[in-house]
């Protein structure tokens, strides 16, 4: 089974790097830069995992996560990708956090951990 991952980030360089790493590992990758695209892609493609930057949309990543948790009725896994230190983020609604910058093996380890539920 192919795992579908949605990257929600408005930094093109970060999206490109993450996408390249995940696709190399066999993941099917989608990308969004704002809430509307995020919600549309999730509903159209049965996404398994959302990796979202806390700072996307001017710092609205946390708001998007709360909306996803309210609206989705299946077990969507969500992880933050961020430069903000984890101790400064409300992580109650996500399965994990990966700090930018990261090495490819760290991203893959994080993704696998989040897919297993944290």
N, C-alpha and C. Protein backbone atom coordinates (compact mmCIF):
# COMPACT_ATOMS: atom_id res chain seq x y z
N UNK A 1 0.83 -1.19 0.00
CA UNK A 1 0.00 0.00 0.00
C UNK A 1 0.88 1.25 0.00
N UNK A 2 0.58 2.17 -0.87
CA UNK A 2 1.33 3.42 -0.95
C UNK A 2 0.77 4.39 0.09
N UNK A 3 1.66 5.00 0.86
CA UNK A 3 1.26 5.98 1.86
C UNK A 3 1.21 7.35 1.20
N UNK A 4 0.07 8.03 1.40
CA UNK A 4 -0.15 9.37 0.82
C UNK A 4 0.16 10.43 1.86
N UNK A 5 1.10 11.31 1.52
CA UNK A 5 1.55 12.35 2.44
C UNK A 5 1.25 13.72 1.83
N UNK A 6 0.68 14.59 2.64
CA UNK A 6 0.44 15.97 2.23
C UNK A 6 1.39 16.88 3.01
N UNK A 7 2.18 17.66 2.27
CA UNK A 7 3.05 18.67 2.88
C UNK A 7 2.33 20.00 2.80
N UNK A 8 2.16 20.66 3.95
CA UNK A 8 1.51 21.97 3.98
C UNK A 8 2.56 22.97 4.45
N UNK A 9 3.09 23.72 3.50
CA UNK A 9 4.17 24.66 3.80
C UNK A 9 4.19 25.68 2.67
N UNK A 10 4.47 26.92 3.00
CA UNK A 10 4.51 27.95 1.96
C UNK A 10 5.94 28.32 1.58
N UNK A 11 6.91 27.53 2.02
CA UNK A 11 8.30 27.73 1.63
C UNK A 11 8.65 26.71 0.55
N UNK A 12 8.81 27.19 -0.68
CA UNK A 12 9.03 26.30 -1.81
C UNK A 12 10.26 25.41 -1.63
N UNK A 13 11.35 25.97 -1.12
CA UNK A 13 12.57 25.19 -0.94
C UNK A 13 12.36 24.04 0.04
N UNK A 14 11.66 24.30 1.13
CA UNK A 14 11.38 23.25 2.11
C UNK A 14 10.49 22.16 1.50
N UNK A 15 9.45 22.57 0.81
CA UNK A 15 8.54 21.60 0.18
C UNK A 15 9.30 20.74 -0.81
N UNK A 16 10.12 21.36 -1.64
CA UNK A 16 10.88 20.62 -2.64
C UNK A 16 11.80 19.59 -1.98
N UNK A 17 12.51 19.99 -0.94
CA UNK A 17 13.43 19.08 -0.26
C UNK A 17 12.69 17.92 0.39
N UNK A 18 11.60 18.22 1.09
CA UNK A 18 10.83 17.17 1.77
C UNK A 18 10.22 16.23 0.74
N UNK A 19 9.67 16.79 -0.30
CA UNK A 19 9.04 15.97 -1.35
C UNK A 19 10.06 15.01 -1.97
N UNK A 20 11.23 15.51 -2.29
CA UNK A 20 12.28 14.69 -2.90
C UNK A 20 12.66 13.51 -1.99
N UNK A 21 12.83 13.77 -0.72
CA UNK A 21 13.19 12.72 0.24
C UNK A 21 12.08 11.68 0.33
N UNK A 22 10.84 12.13 0.49
CA UNK A 22 9.73 11.20 0.66
C UNK A 22 9.46 10.39 -0.60
N UNK A 23 9.50 11.03 -1.76
CA UNK A 23 9.27 10.29 -3.00
C UNK A 23 10.36 9.25 -3.23
N UNK A 24 11.58 9.56 -2.87
CA UNK A 24 12.67 8.59 -2.99
C UNK A 24 12.40 7.35 -2.15
N UNK A 25 11.69 7.52 -1.04
CA UNK A 25 11.35 6.41 -0.14
C UNK A 25 10.05 5.71 -0.52
N UNK A 26 9.40 6.15 -1.61
CA UNK A 26 8.21 5.47 -2.10
C UNK A 26 6.88 6.05 -1.67
N UNK A 27 6.89 7.19 -0.99
CA UNK A 27 5.65 7.85 -0.59
C UNK A 27 5.05 8.59 -1.78
N UNK A 28 3.72 8.68 -1.81
CA UNK A 28 3.02 9.50 -2.79
C UNK A 28 2.80 10.86 -2.12
N UNK A 29 3.35 11.92 -2.70
CA UNK A 29 3.40 13.21 -2.02
C UNK A 29 2.54 14.24 -2.74
N UNK A 30 1.77 14.98 -1.94
CA UNK A 30 0.97 16.11 -2.40
C UNK A 30 1.46 17.33 -1.64
N UNK A 31 1.13 18.52 -2.14
CA UNK A 31 1.55 19.72 -1.44
C UNK A 31 0.45 20.78 -1.48
N UNK A 32 0.42 21.58 -0.42
CA UNK A 32 -0.52 22.69 -0.31
C UNK A 32 0.21 23.86 0.36
N UNK A 33 -0.23 25.07 0.01
CA UNK A 33 0.38 26.24 0.62
C UNK A 33 -0.59 27.00 1.54
N UNK A 34 -1.87 26.58 1.55
CA UNK A 34 -2.83 27.25 2.41
C UNK A 34 -3.97 26.29 2.78
N UNK A 35 -4.81 26.75 3.69
CA UNK A 35 -5.87 25.93 4.27
C UNK A 35 -6.81 25.34 3.23
N UNK A 36 -7.25 26.15 2.28
CA UNK A 36 -8.22 25.68 1.31
C UNK A 36 -7.67 24.52 0.48
N UNK A 37 -6.44 24.66 -0.01
CA UNK A 37 -5.82 23.57 -0.76
C UNK A 37 -5.65 22.33 0.12
N UNK A 38 -5.24 22.55 1.34
CA UNK A 38 -5.05 21.45 2.28
C UNK A 38 -6.33 20.64 2.44
N UNK A 39 -7.42 21.32 2.71
CA UNK A 39 -8.70 20.63 2.93
C UNK A 39 -9.18 19.93 1.67
N UNK A 40 -9.02 20.56 0.51
CA UNK A 40 -9.43 19.96 -0.76
C UNK A 40 -8.62 18.70 -1.06
N UNK A 41 -7.32 18.77 -0.91
CA UNK A 41 -6.47 17.62 -1.21
C UNK A 41 -6.77 16.46 -0.27
N UNK A 42 -6.99 16.74 0.98
CA UNK A 42 -7.31 15.67 1.94
C UNK A 42 -8.62 14.99 1.54
N UNK A 43 -9.61 15.76 1.17
CA UNK A 43 -10.90 15.15 0.82
C UNK A 43 -10.85 14.40 -0.51
N UNK A 44 -10.02 14.83 -1.43
CA UNK A 44 -9.95 14.20 -2.75
C UNK A 44 -9.02 12.99 -2.82
N UNK A 45 -8.03 12.90 -1.93
CA UNK A 45 -6.98 11.90 -2.10
C UNK A 45 -6.79 10.94 -0.92
N UNK A 46 -7.66 10.95 0.05
CA UNK A 46 -7.55 10.02 1.17
C UNK A 46 -6.14 10.02 1.76
N UNK A 47 -5.70 11.17 2.19
CA UNK A 47 -4.35 11.37 2.72
C UNK A 47 -4.18 10.59 4.03
N UNK A 48 -3.00 9.97 4.19
CA UNK A 48 -2.67 9.22 5.40
C UNK A 48 -1.95 10.08 6.44
N UNK A 49 -1.13 11.00 5.95
CA UNK A 49 -0.28 11.80 6.84
C UNK A 49 -0.19 13.22 6.33
N UNK A 50 -0.35 14.18 7.24
CA UNK A 50 -0.14 15.59 6.92
C UNK A 50 1.09 16.05 7.69
N UNK A 51 2.05 16.61 6.95
CA UNK A 51 3.20 17.28 7.56
C UNK A 51 3.00 18.76 7.33
N UNK A 52 2.82 19.51 8.42
CA UNK A 52 2.45 20.92 8.31
C UNK A 52 3.42 21.80 9.07
N UNK A 53 3.81 22.88 8.44
CA UNK A 53 4.68 23.86 9.09
C UNK A 53 3.81 24.72 10.01
N UNK A 54 4.27 24.89 11.23
CA UNK A 54 3.53 25.72 12.20
C UNK A 54 3.36 27.14 11.67
N UNK A 55 4.34 27.62 10.90
CA UNK A 55 4.32 29.00 10.43
C UNK A 55 3.61 29.21 9.10
N UNK A 56 3.04 28.16 8.51
CA UNK A 56 2.36 28.30 7.23
C UNK A 56 1.20 29.31 7.38
N UNK A 57 0.96 30.04 6.34
CA UNK A 57 -0.13 31.04 6.32
C UNK A 57 0.03 32.07 7.44
N UNK A 58 1.24 32.52 7.66
CA UNK A 58 1.47 33.54 8.68
C UNK A 58 1.30 33.03 10.09
N UNK A 59 1.62 31.78 10.34
CA UNK A 59 1.54 31.23 11.69
C UNK A 59 0.24 30.51 11.98
N UNK A 60 -0.51 30.14 10.95
CA UNK A 60 -1.82 29.52 11.13
C UNK A 60 -1.78 27.99 11.07
N UNK A 61 -0.59 27.40 11.07
CA UNK A 61 -0.50 25.94 11.01
C UNK A 61 -1.27 25.26 12.13
N UNK A 62 -1.17 25.79 13.34
CA UNK A 62 -1.88 25.20 14.48
C UNK A 62 -3.39 25.29 14.29
N UNK A 63 -3.87 26.39 13.72
CA UNK A 63 -5.31 26.54 13.45
C UNK A 63 -5.79 25.53 12.42
N UNK A 64 -4.97 25.28 11.40
CA UNK A 64 -5.33 24.29 10.38
C UNK A 64 -5.41 22.90 11.01
N UNK A 65 -4.46 22.58 11.89
CA UNK A 65 -4.48 21.28 12.57
C UNK A 65 -5.76 21.13 13.39
N UNK A 66 -6.14 22.13 14.12
CA UNK A 66 -7.38 22.05 14.92
C UNK A 66 -8.59 21.84 14.02
N UNK A 67 -8.63 22.53 12.89
CA UNK A 67 -9.72 22.36 11.94
C UNK A 67 -9.74 20.93 11.39
N UNK A 68 -8.57 20.40 11.05
CA UNK A 68 -8.50 19.02 10.55
C UNK A 68 -9.02 18.04 11.59
N UNK A 69 -8.66 18.23 12.83
CA UNK A 69 -9.11 17.31 13.89
C UNK A 69 -10.63 17.38 14.08
N UNK A 70 -11.22 18.53 13.86
CA UNK A 70 -12.68 18.68 13.99
C UNK A 70 -13.42 18.07 12.81
N UNK A 71 -12.90 18.28 11.60
CA UNK A 71 -13.64 17.94 10.39
C UNK A 71 -13.44 16.51 9.90
N UNK A 72 -12.34 15.89 10.23
CA UNK A 72 -12.04 14.57 9.67
C UNK A 72 -12.54 13.47 10.59
N UNK A 73 -13.16 12.46 10.01
CA UNK A 73 -13.71 11.38 10.81
C UNK A 73 -12.89 10.09 10.70
N UNK A 74 -11.75 10.16 10.06
CA UNK A 74 -10.88 8.99 10.02
C UNK A 74 -9.58 9.31 10.74
N UNK A 75 -8.76 8.32 10.91
CA UNK A 75 -7.57 8.47 11.73
C UNK A 75 -6.41 9.11 10.96
N UNK A 76 -6.54 10.37 10.64
CA UNK A 76 -5.51 11.12 9.94
C UNK A 76 -4.35 11.37 10.90
N UNK A 77 -3.15 11.06 10.45
CA UNK A 77 -1.94 11.33 11.23
C UNK A 77 -1.41 12.69 10.84
N UNK A 78 -0.95 13.46 11.83
CA UNK A 78 -0.45 14.81 11.58
C UNK A 78 0.85 15.01 12.34
N UNK A 79 1.82 15.59 11.65
CA UNK A 79 3.09 15.95 12.27
C UNK A 79 3.48 17.37 11.89
N UNK A 80 4.07 18.08 12.83
CA UNK A 80 4.59 19.41 12.53
C UNK A 80 6.00 19.31 11.98
N UNK A 81 6.32 20.18 11.02
CA UNK A 81 7.69 20.40 10.57
C UNK A 81 7.93 21.88 10.80
N UNK A 82 8.92 22.21 11.61
CA UNK A 82 9.05 23.62 12.01
C UNK A 82 10.45 23.95 12.49
N UNK A 83 10.75 25.22 12.42
CA UNK A 83 12.00 25.73 12.98
C UNK A 83 11.79 26.16 14.44
N UNK A 84 10.55 26.30 14.87
CA UNK A 84 10.23 26.71 16.24
C UNK A 84 10.56 25.55 17.18
N UNK A 85 11.23 25.83 18.31
CA UNK A 85 11.53 24.75 19.27
C UNK A 85 10.25 24.06 19.75
N UNK A 86 10.31 22.75 19.85
CA UNK A 86 9.12 21.97 20.21
C UNK A 86 8.50 22.43 21.53
N UNK A 87 9.33 22.85 22.48
CA UNK A 87 8.80 23.26 23.80
C UNK A 87 7.91 24.51 23.70
N UNK A 88 7.98 25.22 22.57
CA UNK A 88 7.18 26.43 22.37
C UNK A 88 5.91 26.20 21.56
N UNK A 89 5.60 24.93 21.27
CA UNK A 89 4.46 24.60 20.40
C UNK A 89 3.46 23.75 21.18
N UNK A 90 2.20 23.99 20.96
CA UNK A 90 1.15 23.13 21.50
C UNK A 90 1.09 21.88 20.61
N UNK A 91 1.50 20.75 21.15
CA UNK A 91 1.59 19.53 20.35
C UNK A 91 0.48 18.52 20.67
N UNK A 92 -0.55 18.96 21.37
CA UNK A 92 -1.62 18.02 21.76
C UNK A 92 -2.37 17.42 20.59
N UNK A 93 -2.45 18.12 19.48
CA UNK A 93 -3.24 17.64 18.34
C UNK A 93 -2.42 16.96 17.26
N UNK A 94 -1.13 16.74 17.51
CA UNK A 94 -0.27 16.11 16.51
C UNK A 94 0.44 14.90 17.11
N UNK A 95 0.89 14.03 16.21
CA UNK A 95 1.60 12.83 16.65
C UNK A 95 3.10 13.04 16.78
N UNK A 96 3.61 14.19 16.34
CA UNK A 96 5.05 14.42 16.45
C UNK A 96 5.48 15.73 15.83
N UNK A 97 6.73 16.09 16.12
CA UNK A 97 7.32 17.33 15.62
C UNK A 97 8.72 17.00 15.11
N UNK A 98 9.06 17.52 13.94
CA UNK A 98 10.43 17.43 13.47
C UNK A 98 10.96 18.84 13.27
N UNK A 99 12.14 19.07 13.81
CA UNK A 99 12.76 20.39 13.75
C UNK A 99 13.48 20.59 12.43
N UNK A 100 13.24 21.75 11.81
CA UNK A 100 14.02 22.17 10.66
C UNK A 100 15.28 22.84 11.18
N UNK A 101 16.40 22.70 10.56
CA UNK A 101 16.68 21.80 9.44
C UNK A 101 16.85 20.36 9.94
N UNK A 102 16.72 19.42 9.04
CA UNK A 102 16.86 18.01 9.39
C UNK A 102 17.57 17.26 8.28
N UNK A 103 18.11 16.14 8.63
CA UNK A 103 18.75 15.25 7.66
C UNK A 103 17.69 14.33 7.08
N UNK A 104 17.88 13.83 5.86
CA UNK A 104 16.88 12.94 5.25
C UNK A 104 16.50 11.75 6.13
N UNK A 105 17.48 11.11 6.77
CA UNK A 105 17.16 9.95 7.61
C UNK A 105 16.32 10.35 8.82
N UNK A 106 16.50 11.57 9.32
CA UNK A 106 15.68 12.04 10.44
C UNK A 106 14.23 12.24 10.01
N UNK A 107 14.04 12.78 8.82
CA UNK A 107 12.68 12.97 8.30
C UNK A 107 11.98 11.63 8.15
N UNK A 108 12.64 10.66 7.55
CA UNK A 108 12.03 9.34 7.35
C UNK A 108 11.72 8.68 8.68
N UNK A 109 12.62 8.77 9.63
CA UNK A 109 12.37 8.19 10.97
C UNK A 109 11.15 8.86 11.60
N UNK A 110 11.05 10.18 11.49
CA UNK A 110 9.92 10.93 12.04
C UNK A 110 8.61 10.53 11.37
N UNK A 111 8.62 10.46 10.05
CA UNK A 111 7.42 10.09 9.31
C UNK A 111 6.94 8.70 9.74
N UNK A 112 7.84 7.76 9.84
CA UNK A 112 7.46 6.41 10.25
C UNK A 112 6.92 6.37 11.67
N UNK A 113 7.50 7.16 12.55
CA UNK A 113 7.02 7.25 13.94
C UNK A 113 5.62 7.84 13.99
N UNK A 114 5.39 8.91 13.24
CA UNK A 114 4.09 9.56 13.22
C UNK A 114 3.03 8.60 12.64
N UNK A 115 3.38 7.89 11.60
CA UNK A 115 2.44 6.94 11.00
C UNK A 115 2.04 5.82 11.98
N UNK A 116 2.93 5.52 12.89
CA UNK A 116 2.63 4.50 13.92
C UNK A 116 1.87 5.09 15.10
N UNK A 117 1.64 6.40 15.09
CA UNK A 117 0.85 7.01 16.15
C UNK A 117 1.63 7.77 17.18
N UNK A 118 2.86 8.11 16.89
CA UNK A 118 3.64 8.94 17.81
C UNK A 118 4.69 8.22 18.46
